[in-house]
Amino acid sequence: MGFKCTQYFLSVRERPDRASIKVEWIAEAIANPLASEVQSDGRVRHWLWVEEQHKYLRIVLLADRLTVHNAFFDRGFREE
């Protein structure tokens, strides 16, 4: 992986619904997010449209904006 991540991320990534998320998509979401939002706890959400899946990917970074804490396909995200 070309990015830092939490132990939580590594354990959740083993779930069948998360295993298909490519490292390249996560890296792209970090570098070039479609949208971003800071949560009340300081963590940062980034979204990326993944054409291959026809879905939006949401990643959650820790407040350092470098460490990936979570990544999943977000069915509720809508582009403005």
PDB file of N, CA and C in Angstrom:
ATOM      1  N   MET A   1       0.835  -1.187   0.000  1.00  0.00           N
ATOM      2  CA  MET A   1       0.000   0.000   0.000  1.00  0.00           C
ATOM      3  C   MET A   1       0.873   1.240   0.000  1.00  0.00           C
ATOM      4  N   GLY A   2       0.470   2.228  -0.709  1.00  0.00           N
ATOM      5  CA  GLY A   2       1.224   3.467  -0.784  1.00  0.00           C
ATOM      6  C   GLY A   2       0.724   4.534   0.173  1.00  0.00           C
ATOM      7  N   PHE A   3       0.033   4.132   1.236  1.00  0.00           N
ATOM      8  CA  PHE A   3      -0.484   5.088   2.206  1.00  0.00           C
ATOM      9  C   PHE A   3      -0.517   4.433   3.582  1.00  0.00           C
ATOM     10  N   LYS A   4      -0.570   5.287   4.616  1.00  0.00           N
ATOM     11  CA  LYS A   4      -0.680   4.790   5.985  1.00  0.00           C
ATOM     12  C   LYS A   4      -2.132   4.398   6.250  1.00  0.00           C
ATOM     13  N   CYS A   5      -2.333   3.445   7.152  1.00  0.00           N
ATOM     14  CA  CYS A   5      -3.698   3.038   7.488  1.00  0.00           C
ATOM     15  C   CYS A   5      -3.760   2.533   8.926  1.00  0.00           C
ATOM     16  N   THR A   6      -4.965   2.541   9.459  1.00  0.00           N
ATOM     17  CA  THR A   6      -5.174   2.075  10.828  1.00  0.00           C
ATOM     18  C   THR A   6      -5.356   0.558  10.843  1.00  0.00           C
ATOM     19  N   GLN A   7      -5.220  -0.024  12.019  1.00  0.00           N
ATOM     20  CA  GLN A   7      -5.476  -1.452  12.194  1.00  0.00           C
ATOM     21  C   GLN A   7      -6.941  -1.757  11.888  1.00  0.00           C
ATOM     22  N   TYR A   8      -7.833  -0.825  12.243  1.00  0.00           N
ATOM     23  CA  TYR A   8      -9.260  -0.997  11.943  1.00  0.00           C
ATOM     24  C   TYR A   8      -9.467  -1.161  10.433  1.00  0.00           C
ATOM     25  N   PHE A   9      -8.827  -0.306   9.655  1.00  0.00           N
ATOM     26  CA  PHE A   9      -8.945  -0.389   8.200  1.00  0.00           C
ATOM     27  C   PHE A   9      -8.501  -1.758   7.695  1.00  0.00           C
ATOM     28  N   LEU A  10      -7.366  -2.225   8.196  1.00  0.00           N
ATOM     29  CA  LEU A  10      -6.842  -3.522   7.756  1.00  0.00           C
ATOM     30  C   LEU A  10      -7.801  -4.660   8.097  1.00  0.00           C
ATOM     31  N   SER A  11      -8.428  -4.605   9.264  1.00  0.00           N
ATOM     32  CA  SER A  11      -9.337  -5.688   9.644  1.00  0.00           C
ATOM     33  C   SER A  11     -10.650  -5.618   8.865  1.00  0.00           C
ATOM     34  N   VAL A  12     -11.173  -4.428   8.663  1.00  0.00           N
ATOM     35  CA  VAL A  12     -12.439  -4.282   7.927  1.00  0.00           C
ATOM     36  C   VAL A  12     -12.253  -4.607   6.449  1.00  0.00           C
ATOM     37  N   ARG A  13     -11.074  -4.344   5.938  1.00  0.00           N
ATOM     38  CA  ARG A  13     -10.790  -4.597   4.519  1.00  0.00           C
ATOM     39  C   ARG A  13     -10.917  -6.077   4.156  1.00  0.00           C
ATOM     40  N   GLU A  14     -10.861  -6.949   5.132  1.00  0.00           N
ATOM     41  CA  GLU A  14     -10.989  -8.384   4.877  1.00  0.00           C
ATOM     42  C   GLU A  14     -12.430  -8.831   4.657  1.00  0.00           C
ATOM     43  N   ARG A  15     -13.388  -7.965   4.959  1.00  0.00           N
ATOM     44  CA  ARG A  15     -14.797  -8.316   4.738  1.00  0.00           C
ATOM     45  C   ARG A  15     -15.070  -8.457   3.241  1.00  0.00           C
ATOM     46  N   PRO A  16     -15.948  -9.378   2.858  1.00  0.00           N
ATOM     47  CA  PRO A  16     -16.227  -9.593   1.431  1.00  0.00           C
ATOM     48  C   PRO A  16     -16.710  -8.340   0.690  1.00  0.00           C
ATOM     49  N   ASP A  17     -17.500  -7.510   1.358  1.00  0.00           N
ATOM     50  CA  ASP A  17     -18.017  -6.311   0.696  1.00  0.00           C
ATOM     51  C   ASP A  17     -16.963  -5.215   0.549  1.00  0.00           C
ATOM     52  N   ARG A  18     -15.820  -5.357   1.212  1.00  0.00           N
ATOM     53  CA  ARG A  18     -14.753  -4.355   1.130  1.00  0.00           C
ATOM     54  C   ARG A  18     -13.537  -4.865   0.351  1.00  0.00           C
ATOM     55  N   ALA A  19     -13.429  -6.153   0.186  1.00  0.00           N
ATOM     56  CA  ALA A  19     -12.247  -6.746  -0.448  1.00  0.00           C
ATOM     57  C   ALA A  19     -12.073  -6.301  -1.905  1.00  0.00           C
ATOM     58  N   SER A  20     -13.166  -5.919  -2.565  1.00  0.00           N
ATOM     59  CA  SER A  20     -13.083  -5.529  -3.974  1.00  0.00           C
ATOM     60  C   SER A  20     -12.601  -4.096  -4.177  1.00  0.00           C
ATOM     61  N   ILE A  21     -12.436  -3.349  -3.103  1.00  0.00           N
ATOM     62  CA  ILE A  21     -11.978  -1.961  -3.213  1.00  0.00           C
ATOM     63  C   ILE A  21     -10.471  -1.951  -3.474  1.00  0.00           C
ATOM     64  N   LYS A  22     -10.109  -1.437  -4.622  1.00  0.00           N
ATOM     65  CA  LYS A  22      -8.711  -1.445  -5.042  1.00  0.00           C
ATOM     66  C   LYS A  22      -7.908  -0.352  -4.338  1.00  0.00           C
ATOM     67  N   VAL A  23      -6.669  -0.674  -4.032  1.00  0.00           N
ATOM     68  CA  VAL A  23      -5.743   0.273  -3.407  1.00  0.00           C
ATOM     69  C   VAL A  23      -5.594   1.514  -4.288  1.00  0.00           C
ATOM     70  N   GLU A  24      -5.606   1.339  -5.592  1.00  0.00           N
ATOM     71  CA  GLU A  24      -5.453   2.458  -6.524  1.00  0.00           C
ATOM     72  C   GLU A  24      -6.591   3.462  -6.365  1.00  0.00           C
ATOM     73  N   TRP A  25      -7.808   2.958  -6.130  1.00  0.00           N
ATOM     74  CA  TRP A  25      -8.960   3.856  -5.951  1.00  0.00           C
ATOM     75  C   TRP A  25      -8.809   4.659  -4.668  1.00  0.00           C
ATOM     76  N   ILE A  26      -8.334   4.006  -3.624  1.00  0.00           N
ATOM     77  CA  ILE A  26      -8.144   4.697  -2.352  1.00  0.00           C
ATOM     78  C   ILE A  26      -7.085   5.791  -2.519  1.00  0.00           C
ATOM     79  N   ALA A  27      -5.993   5.473  -3.162  1.00  0.00           N
ATOM     80  CA  ALA A  27      -4.932   6.452  -3.402  1.00  0.00           C
ATOM     81  C   ALA A  27      -5.450   7.626  -4.233  1.00  0.00           C
ATOM     82  N   GLU A  28      -6.273   7.340  -5.223  1.00  0.00           N
ATOM     83  CA  GLU A  28      -6.852   8.402  -6.062  1.00  0.00           C
ATOM     84  C   GLU A  28      -7.799   9.278  -5.249  1.00  0.00           C
ATOM     85  N   ALA A  29      -8.575   8.672  -4.364  1.00  0.00           N
ATOM     86  CA  ALA A  29      -9.491   9.443  -3.511  1.00  0.00           C
ATOM     87  C   ALA A  29      -8.722  10.363  -2.563  1.00  0.00           C
ATOM     88  N   ILE A  30      -7.556   9.919  -2.105  1.00  0.00           N
ATOM     89  CA  ILE A  30      -6.717  10.762  -1.246  1.00  0.00           C
ATOM     90  C   ILE A  30      -6.168  11.939  -2.057  1.00  0.00           C
ATOM     91  N   ALA A  31      -5.654  11.653  -3.239  1.00  0.00           N
ATOM     92  CA  ALA A  31      -4.974  12.668  -4.051  1.00  0.00           C
ATOM     93  C   ALA A  31      -5.925  13.612  -4.781  1.00  0.00           C
ATOM     94  N   ASN A  32      -7.034  13.075  -5.281  1.00  0.00           N
ATOM     95  CA  ASN A  32      -7.940  13.864  -6.131  1.00  0.00           C
ATOM     96  C   ASN A  32      -9.400  13.584  -5.812  1.00  0.00           C
ATOM     97  N   PRO A  33      -9.849  13.950  -4.618  1.00  0.00           N
ATOM     98  CA  PRO A  33     -11.240  13.652  -4.265  1.00  0.00           C
ATOM     99  C   PRO A  33     -12.229  14.467  -5.087  1.00  0.00           C
ATOM    100  N   LEU A  34     -13.368  13.857  -5.345  1.00  0.00           N
ATOM    101  CA  LEU A  34     -14.470  14.549  -6.011  1.00  0.00           C
ATOM    102  C   LEU A  34     -15.087  15.566  -5.050  1.00  0.00           C
ATOM    103  N   ALA A  35     -15.175  15.187  -3.783  1.00  0.00           N
ATOM    104  CA  ALA A  35     -15.715  16.049  -2.732  1.00  0.00           C
ATOM    105  C   ALA A  35     -15.020  15.687  -1.428  1.00  0.00           C
ATOM    106  N   SER A  36     -15.004  16.638  -0.498  1.00  0.00           N
ATOM    107  CA  SER A  36     -14.394  16.427   0.813  1.00  0.00           C
ATOM    108  C   SER A  36     -15.241  17.084   1.877  1.00  0.00           C
ATOM    109  N   GLU A  37     -15.116  16.557   3.099  1.00  0.00           N
ATOM    110  CA  GLU A  37     -15.868  17.109   4.224  1.00  0.00           C
ATOM    111  C   GLU A  37     -15.129  16.755   5.509  1.00  0.00           C
ATOM    112  N   VAL A  38     -15.036  17.710   6.422  1.00  0.00           N
ATOM    113  CA  VAL A  38     -14.414  17.458   7.716  1.00  0.00           C
ATOM    114  C   VAL A  38     -15.509  17.100   8.707  1.00  0.00           C
ATOM    115  N   GLN A  39     -15.340  15.977   9.389  1.00  0.00           N
ATOM    116  CA  GLN A  39     -16.295  15.535  10.396  1.00  0.00           C
ATOM    117  C   GLN A  39     -16.058  16.313  11.688  1.00  0.00           C
ATOM    118  N   SER A  40     -17.012  16.257  12.605  1.00  0.00           N
ATOM    119  CA  SER A  40     -16.901  16.974  13.879  1.00  0.00           C
ATOM    120  C   SER A  40     -15.729  16.477  14.724  1.00  0.00           C
ATOM    121  N   ASP A  41     -15.291  15.227  14.513  1.00  0.00           N
ATOM    122  CA  ASP A  41     -14.157  14.679  15.264  1.00  0.00           C
ATOM    123  C   ASP A  41     -12.811  14.970  14.599  1.00  0.00           C
ATOM    124  N   GLY A  42     -12.818  15.741  13.516  1.00  0.00           N
ATOM    125  CA  GLY A  42     -11.589  16.115  12.817  1.00  0.00           C
ATOM    126  C   GLY A  42     -11.200  15.179  11.689  1.00  0.00           C
ATOM    127  N   ARG A  43     -11.851  14.026  11.613  1.00  0.00           N
ATOM    128  CA  ARG A  43     -11.572  13.115  10.502  1.00  0.00           C
ATOM    129  C   ARG A  43     -12.103  13.725   9.211  1.00  0.00           C
ATOM    130  N   VAL A  44     -11.528  13.289   8.106  1.00  0.00           N
ATOM    131  CA  VAL A  44     -11.865  13.874   6.811  1.00  0.00           C
ATOM    132  C   VAL A  44     -12.445  12.811   5.897  1.00  0.00           C
ATOM    133  N   ARG A  45     -13.570  13.132   5.296  1.00  0.00           N
ATOM    134  CA  ARG A  45     -14.193  12.238   4.310  1.00  0.00           C
ATOM    135  C   ARG A  45     -13.826  12.722   2.916  1.00  0.00           C
ATOM    136  N   HIS A  46     -13.466  11.780   2.059  1.00  0.00           N
ATOM    137  CA  HIS A  46     -13.239  12.057   0.634  1.00  0.00           C
ATOM    138  C   HIS A  46     -14.087  11.086  -0.166  1.00  0.00           C
ATOM    139  N   TRP A  47     -14.645  11.580  -1.273  1.00  0.00           N
ATOM    140  CA  TRP A  47     -15.407  10.722  -2.179  1.00  0.00           C
ATOM    141  C   TRP A  47     -14.753  10.707  -3.550  1.00  0.00           C
ATOM    142  N   LEU A  48     -14.942   9.600  -4.231  1.00  0.00           N
ATOM    143  CA  LEU A  48     -14.420   9.410  -5.580  1.00  0.00           C
ATOM    144  C   LEU A  48     -15.432   8.584  -6.361  1.00  0.00           C
ATOM    145  N   TRP A  49     -15.712   8.982  -7.579  1.00  0.00           N
ATOM    146  CA  TRP A  49     -16.560   8.174  -8.460  1.00  0.00           C
ATOM    147  C   TRP A  49     -15.686   7.079  -9.062  1.00  0.00           C
ATOM    148  N   VAL A  50     -16.105   5.822  -8.903  1.00  0.00           N
ATOM    149  CA  VAL A  50     -15.376   4.682  -9.455  1.00  0.00           C
ATOM    150  C   VAL A  50     -16.192   4.161 -10.637  1.00  0.00           C
ATOM    151  N   GLU A  51     -15.778   4.542 -11.822  1.00  0.00           N
ATOM    152  CA  GLU A  51     -16.516   4.198 -13.036  1.00  0.00           C
ATOM    153  C   GLU A  51     -16.658   2.681 -13.189  1.00  0.00           C
ATOM    154  N   GLU A  52     -15.628   1.962 -12.890  1.00  0.00           N
ATOM    155  CA  GLU A  52     -15.624   0.505 -13.028  1.00  0.00           C
ATOM    156  C   GLU A  52     -16.743  -0.165 -12.221  1.00  0.00           C
ATOM    157  N   GLN A  53     -17.101   0.433 -11.090  1.00  0.00           N
ATOM    158  CA  GLN A  53     -18.143  -0.118 -10.218  1.00  0.00           C
ATOM    159  C   GLN A  53     -19.469   0.642 -10.340  1.00  0.00           C
ATOM    160  N   HIS A  54     -19.439   1.794 -10.991  1.00  0.00           N
ATOM    161  CA  HIS A  54     -20.606   2.686 -11.070  1.00  0.00           C
ATOM    162  C   HIS A  54     -21.108   3.034  -9.674  1.00  0.00           C
ATOM    163  N   LYS A  55     -20.143   3.373  -8.796  1.00  0.00           N
ATOM    164  CA  LYS A  55     -20.452   3.701  -7.407  1.00  0.00           C
ATOM    165  C   LYS A  55     -19.489   4.772  -6.913  1.00  0.00           C
ATOM    166  N   TYR A  56     -19.936   5.452  -5.843  1.00  0.00           N
ATOM    167  CA  TYR A  56     -19.063   6.396  -5.161  1.00  0.00           C
ATOM    168  C   TYR A  56     -18.327   5.674  -4.041  1.00  0.00           C
ATOM    169  N   LEU A  57     -17.040   5.918  -3.961  1.00  0.00           N
ATOM    170  CA  LEU A  57     -16.214   5.387  -2.892  1.00  0.00           C
ATOM    171  C   LEU A  57     -16.008   6.492  -1.864  1.00  0.00           C
ATOM    172  N   ARG A  58     -16.254   6.180  -0.594  1.00  0.00           N
ATOM    173  CA  ARG A  58     -15.944   7.127   0.475  1.00  0.00           C
ATOM    174  C   ARG A  58     -14.772   6.575   1.264  1.00  0.00           C
ATOM    175  N   ILE A  59     -13.793   7.421   1.479  1.00  0.00           N
ATOM    176  CA  ILE A  59     -12.710   7.056   2.389  1.00  0.00           C
ATOM    177  C   ILE A  59     -12.745   8.032   3.552  1.00  0.00           C
ATOM    178  N   VAL A  60     -12.336   7.552   4.710  1.00  0.00           N
ATOM    179  CA  VAL A  60     -12.257   8.396   5.898  1.00  0.00           C
ATOM    180  C   VAL A  60     -10.807   8.397   6.354  1.00  0.00           C
ATOM    181  N   LEU A  61     -10.259   9.597   6.435  1.00  0.00           N
ATOM    182  CA  LEU A  61      -8.890   9.786   6.891  1.00  0.00           C
ATOM    183  C   LEU A  61      -8.904  10.295   8.326  1.00  0.00           C
ATOM    184  N   LEU A  62      -7.881   9.946   9.081  1.00  0.00           N
ATOM    185  CA  LEU A  62      -7.734  10.529  10.410  1.00  0.00           C
ATOM    186  C   LEU A  62      -7.457  12.021  10.266  1.00  0.00           C
ATOM    187  N   ALA A  63      -7.473  12.734  11.369  1.00  0.00           N
ATOM    188  CA  ALA A  63      -7.283  14.186  11.339  1.00  0.00           C
ATOM    189  C   ALA A  63      -5.941  14.604  10.733  1.00  0.00           C
ATOM    190  N   ASP A  64      -4.971  13.683  10.680  1.00  0.00           N
ATOM    191  CA  ASP A  64      -3.682  14.002  10.056  1.00  0.00           C
ATOM    192  C   ASP A  64      -3.782  14.100   8.533  1.00  0.00           C
ATOM    193  N   ARG A  65      -4.935  13.706   7.985  1.00  0.00           N
ATOM    194  CA  ARG A  65      -5.231  13.745   6.541  1.00  0.00           C
ATOM    195  C   ARG A  65      -4.334  12.832   5.712  1.00  0.00           C
ATOM    196  N   LEU A  66      -3.661  11.898   6.379  1.00  0.00           N
ATOM    197  CA  LEU A  66      -2.762  10.972   5.699  1.00  0.00           C
ATOM    198  C   LEU A  66      -3.115   9.507   5.947  1.00  0.00           C
ATOM    199  N   THR A  67      -3.715   9.213   7.093  1.00  0.00           N
ATOM    200  CA  THR A  67      -3.944   7.836   7.513  1.00  0.00           C
ATOM    201  C   THR A  67      -5.373   7.412   7.198  1.00  0.00           C
ATOM    202  N   VAL A  68      -5.517   6.348   6.401  1.00  0.00           N
ATOM    203  CA  VAL A  68      -6.842   5.845   6.021  1.00  0.00           C
ATOM    204  C   VAL A  68      -7.406   5.021   7.174  1.00  0.00           C
ATOM    205  N   HIS A  69      -8.618   5.376   7.581  1.00  0.00           N
ATOM    206  CA  HIS A  69      -9.297   4.681   8.667  1.00  0.00           C
ATOM    207  C   HIS A  69     -10.421   3.784   8.144  1.00  0.00           C
ATOM    208  N   ASN A  70     -11.025   4.159   7.023  1.00  0.00           N
ATOM    209  CA  ASN A  70     -12.145   3.393   6.491  1.00  0.00           C
ATOM    210  C   ASN A  70     -12.273   3.663   4.990  1.00  0.00           C
ATOM    211  N   ALA A  71     -12.847   2.710   4.286  1.00  0.00           N
ATOM    212  CA  ALA A  71     -13.128   2.864   2.852  1.00  0.00           C
ATOM    213  C   ALA A  71     -14.300   1.954   2.512  1.00  0.00           C
ATOM    214  N   PHE A  72     -15.303   2.529   1.849  1.00  0.00           N
ATOM    215  CA  PHE A  72     -16.474   1.744   1.482  1.00  0.00           C
ATOM    216  C   PHE A  72     -17.239   2.449   0.377  1.00  0.00           C
ATOM    217  N   PHE A  73     -18.085   1.706  -0.332  1.00  0.00           N
ATOM    218  CA  PHE A  73     -18.937   2.291  -1.348  1.00  0.00           C
ATOM    219  C   PHE A  73     -20.124   2.938  -0.653  1.00  0.00           C
ATOM    220  N   ASP A  74     -20.335   4.221  -0.949  1.00  0.00           N
ATOM    221  CA  ASP A  74     -21.329   5.042  -0.263  1.00  0.00           C
ATOM    222  C   ASP A  74     -22.571   5.175  -1.139  1.00  0.00           C
ATOM    223  N   ARG A  75     -23.602   4.450  -0.795  1.00  0.00           N
ATOM    224  CA  ARG A  75     -24.845   4.481  -1.580  1.00  0.00           C
ATOM    225  C   ARG A  75     -25.634   5.775  -1.374  1.00  0.00           C
ATOM    226  N   GLY A  76     -25.349   6.513  -0.308  1.00  0.00           N
ATOM    227  CA  GLY A  76     -26.112   7.711  -0.008  1.00  0.00           C
ATOM    228  C   GLY A  76     -25.544   9.002  -0.555  1.00  0.00           C
ATOM    229  N   PHE A  77     -24.326   8.963  -1.093  1.00  0.00           N
ATOM    230  CA  PHE A  77     -23.698  10.205  -1.579  1.00  0.00           C
ATOM    231  C   PHE A  77     -24.328  10.656  -2.890  1.00  0.00           C
ATOM    232  N   ARG A  78     -24.569  11.949  -2.973  1.00  0.00           N
ATOM    233  CA  ARG A  78     -25.092  12.562  -4.198  1.00  0.00           C
ATOM    234  C   ARG A  78     -24.220  13.758  -4.550  1.00  0.00           C
ATOM    235  N   GLU A  79     -23.804  13.830  -5.790  1.00  0.00           N
ATOM    236  CA  GLU A  79     -23.023  14.968  -6.260  1.00  0.00           C
ATOM    237  C   GLU A  79     -23.894  16.198  -6.311  1.00  0.00           C
ATOM    238  N   GLU A  80     -23.314  17.325  -5.905  1.00  0.00           N
ATOM    239  CA  GLU A  80     -24.076  18.591  -5.961  1.00  0.00           C
ATOM    240  C   GLU A  80     -23.947  19.236  -7.303  1.00  0.00           C
TER     241      GLU A  80
END
